[in-house]
Amino acid sequence: MFKRILVPSDGSEHATKAADKAIQLAKILDAEIVAVHVIDEKLIQPFEVLEEEGMEILHQIQKKGESAGVEVSEVLLLGNPGHDMKKISNKTEADLIVIASHGRTGLEKILMGSVAENTLKTADIPVLLIK
């Protein structure tokens, strides 16, 4: 059924919950996880800080996958999280996207829009939305 599950994460509580569900699903389906963190090209913080934060987010998913016996690949990219999910899913050859219904809030959400909403609208593969 599904063999490669794409899991975008911004490190929020909701994204962590989605990653946990994706790992559980991958374990049942004998699938692998592709954990993705996209550093938003529009943010003005120093790149090194954003890169370090992204690597930590991906490392946490990797550790959880490892403890569950699920293979996890980590992908850290610079781009537009709201608009690049379709391209990322195609490049990683994912056949399912598991994404949180909510990520970060406040000004970041206003500036970026809803990553989950854009993913639902543009993805060519099934999307599992986790509340």
Protein backbone atom coordinates (compact mmCIF):
# COMPACT_ATOMS: atom_id res chain seq x y z
CA MET A 1 0.00 0.00 0.00
CA PHE A 2 2.22 2.87 1.26
CA LYS A 3 5.98 2.36 1.31
CA ARG A 4 7.41 5.88 1.70
CA ILE A 5 5.68 8.36 4.02
CA LEU A 6 6.62 12.03 3.85
CA VAL A 7 6.43 13.79 7.21
CA PRO A 8 6.95 17.56 7.11
CA SER A 9 7.68 19.04 10.52
CA ASP A 10 8.16 22.52 11.91
CA GLY A 11 8.84 21.16 15.39
CA SER A 12 5.50 22.29 16.80
CA GLU A 13 3.48 20.15 19.19
CA HIS A 14 1.02 19.31 16.40
CA ALA A 15 3.81 18.36 13.98
CA THR A 16 5.36 16.11 16.64
CA LYS A 17 2.02 14.35 17.08
CA ALA A 18 1.76 13.87 13.29
CA ALA A 19 5.29 12.43 13.18
CA ASP A 20 4.42 10.01 15.99
CA LYS A 21 1.31 8.82 14.10
CA ALA A 22 3.33 8.48 10.89
CA ILE A 23 5.90 6.31 12.67
CA GLN A 24 3.13 4.10 14.06
CA LEU A 25 1.63 3.77 10.59
CA ALA A 26 5.02 3.05 9.02
CA LYS A 27 5.61 0.30 11.57
CA ILE A 28 2.29 -1.37 10.68
CA LEU A 29 2.82 -1.01 6.91
CA ASP A 30 6.54 -1.83 6.94
CA ALA A 31 7.14 1.55 5.31
CA GLU A 32 9.91 4.12 5.65
CA ILE A 33 9.63 7.72 6.77
CA VAL A 34 11.07 10.72 4.98
CA ALA A 35 11.19 13.48 7.61
CA VAL A 36 11.36 16.95 6.07
CA HIS A 37 12.01 20.34 7.56
CA VAL A 38 11.86 23.32 5.23
CA ILE A 39 13.71 26.43 6.35
CA ASP A 40 11.50 29.24 5.15
CA GLU A 41 13.46 31.43 2.76
CA LYS A 42 11.43 34.46 3.90
CA LEU A 43 12.50 34.32 7.56
CA ILE A 44 15.06 36.87 8.65
CA GLN A 45 16.76 34.99 11.47
CA PRO A 46 20.39 33.93 10.91
CA PHE A 47 20.53 30.87 8.65
CA GLU A 48 22.79 28.98 11.05
CA VAL A 49 20.20 29.25 13.83
CA LEU A 50 17.41 28.03 11.54
CA GLU A 51 19.60 25.22 10.22
CA GLU A 52 20.47 24.04 13.73
CA GLU A 53 16.80 24.15 14.75
CA GLY A 54 15.82 22.15 11.65
CA MET A 55 18.48 19.52 12.24
CA GLU A 56 17.28 19.08 15.83
CA ILE A 57 13.66 18.66 14.69
CA LEU A 58 14.71 15.98 12.19
CA HIS A 59 16.98 14.28 14.71
CA GLN A 60 14.07 13.90 17.15
CA ILE A 61 11.97 12.16 14.47
CA GLN A 62 14.96 9.96 13.57
CA LYS A 63 15.38 8.88 17.21
CA LYS A 64 11.70 8.02 17.58
CA GLY A 65 11.73 6.05 14.33
CA GLU A 66 14.85 4.17 15.35
CA SER A 67 13.34 3.17 18.69
CA ALA A 68 10.22 1.91 16.84
CA GLY A 69 12.27 -0.02 14.28
CA VAL A 70 11.28 2.29 11.41
CA GLU A 71 13.78 3.60 8.87
CA VAL A 72 13.84 7.41 8.78
CA SER A 73 15.56 9.57 6.17
CA GLU A 74 16.15 13.23 7.04
CA VAL A 75 15.77 16.06 4.52
CA LEU A 76 16.57 19.69 5.37
CA LEU A 77 15.75 22.23 2.67
CA LEU A 78 15.62 25.96 2.11
CA GLY A 79 12.39 26.99 0.42
CA ASN A 80 8.75 27.85 0.88
CA PRO A 81 7.04 25.34 3.19
CA GLY A 82 3.58 26.33 2.02
CA HIS A 83 4.25 25.82 -1.66
CA ASP A 84 7.04 23.23 -1.95
CA MET A 85 5.38 20.09 -0.52
CA LYS A 86 4.21 18.81 -3.91
CA LYS A 87 7.71 19.17 -5.36
CA ILE A 88 9.26 17.58 -2.25
CA SER A 89 6.85 14.63 -2.35
CA ASN A 90 7.68 14.06 -6.02
CA LYS A 91 11.45 14.26 -5.50
CA THR A 92 11.38 11.92 -2.51
CA GLU A 93 9.02 9.51 -4.32
CA ALA A 94 6.68 9.52 -1.33
CA ASP A 95 3.31 7.84 -1.72
CA LEU A 96 1.66 9.38 1.37
CA ILE A 97 2.04 12.69 3.23
CA VAL A 98 1.26 12.76 6.96
CA ILE A 99 0.98 16.36 8.11
CA ALA A 100 -0.34 18.24 11.12
CA SER A 101 -3.48 20.30 10.68
CA HIS A 102 -1.83 23.13 12.62
CA GLY A 103 1.78 24.19 12.91
CA ARG A 104 3.21 27.33 14.31
CA THR A 105 0.85 30.19 14.91
CA GLY A 106 0.81 33.95 15.07
CA LEU A 107 2.69 36.16 12.64
CA GLU A 108 4.49 33.22 11.00
CA LYS A 109 1.16 31.67 10.01
CA ILE A 110 -0.14 34.96 8.65
CA LEU A 111 2.99 35.44 6.56
CA MET A 112 3.24 31.85 5.33
CA GLY A 113 -0.39 30.74 5.18
CA SER A 114 -1.33 27.22 6.08
CA VAL A 115 1.19 24.62 4.94
CA ALA A 116 -1.36 21.85 5.50
CA GLU A 117 -4.02 23.66 3.48
CA ASN A 118 -1.68 24.25 0.54
CA THR A 119 -0.47 20.65 0.72
CA LEU A 120 -4.05 19.37 0.56
CA LYS A 121 -4.75 21.56 -2.46
CA THR A 122 -1.62 20.74 -4.46
CA ALA A 123 -0.43 17.22 -3.58
CA ASP A 124 -0.77 14.47 -6.16
CA ILE A 125 -0.69 11.75 -3.51
CA PRO A 126 -2.90 10.98 -0.50
CA VAL A 127 -2.56 13.32 2.47
CA LEU A 128 -3.35 12.21 6.01
CA LEU A 129 -4.15 15.26 8.13
CA ILE A 130 -3.52 14.81 11.87
CA LYS A 131 -5.41 17.00 14.37
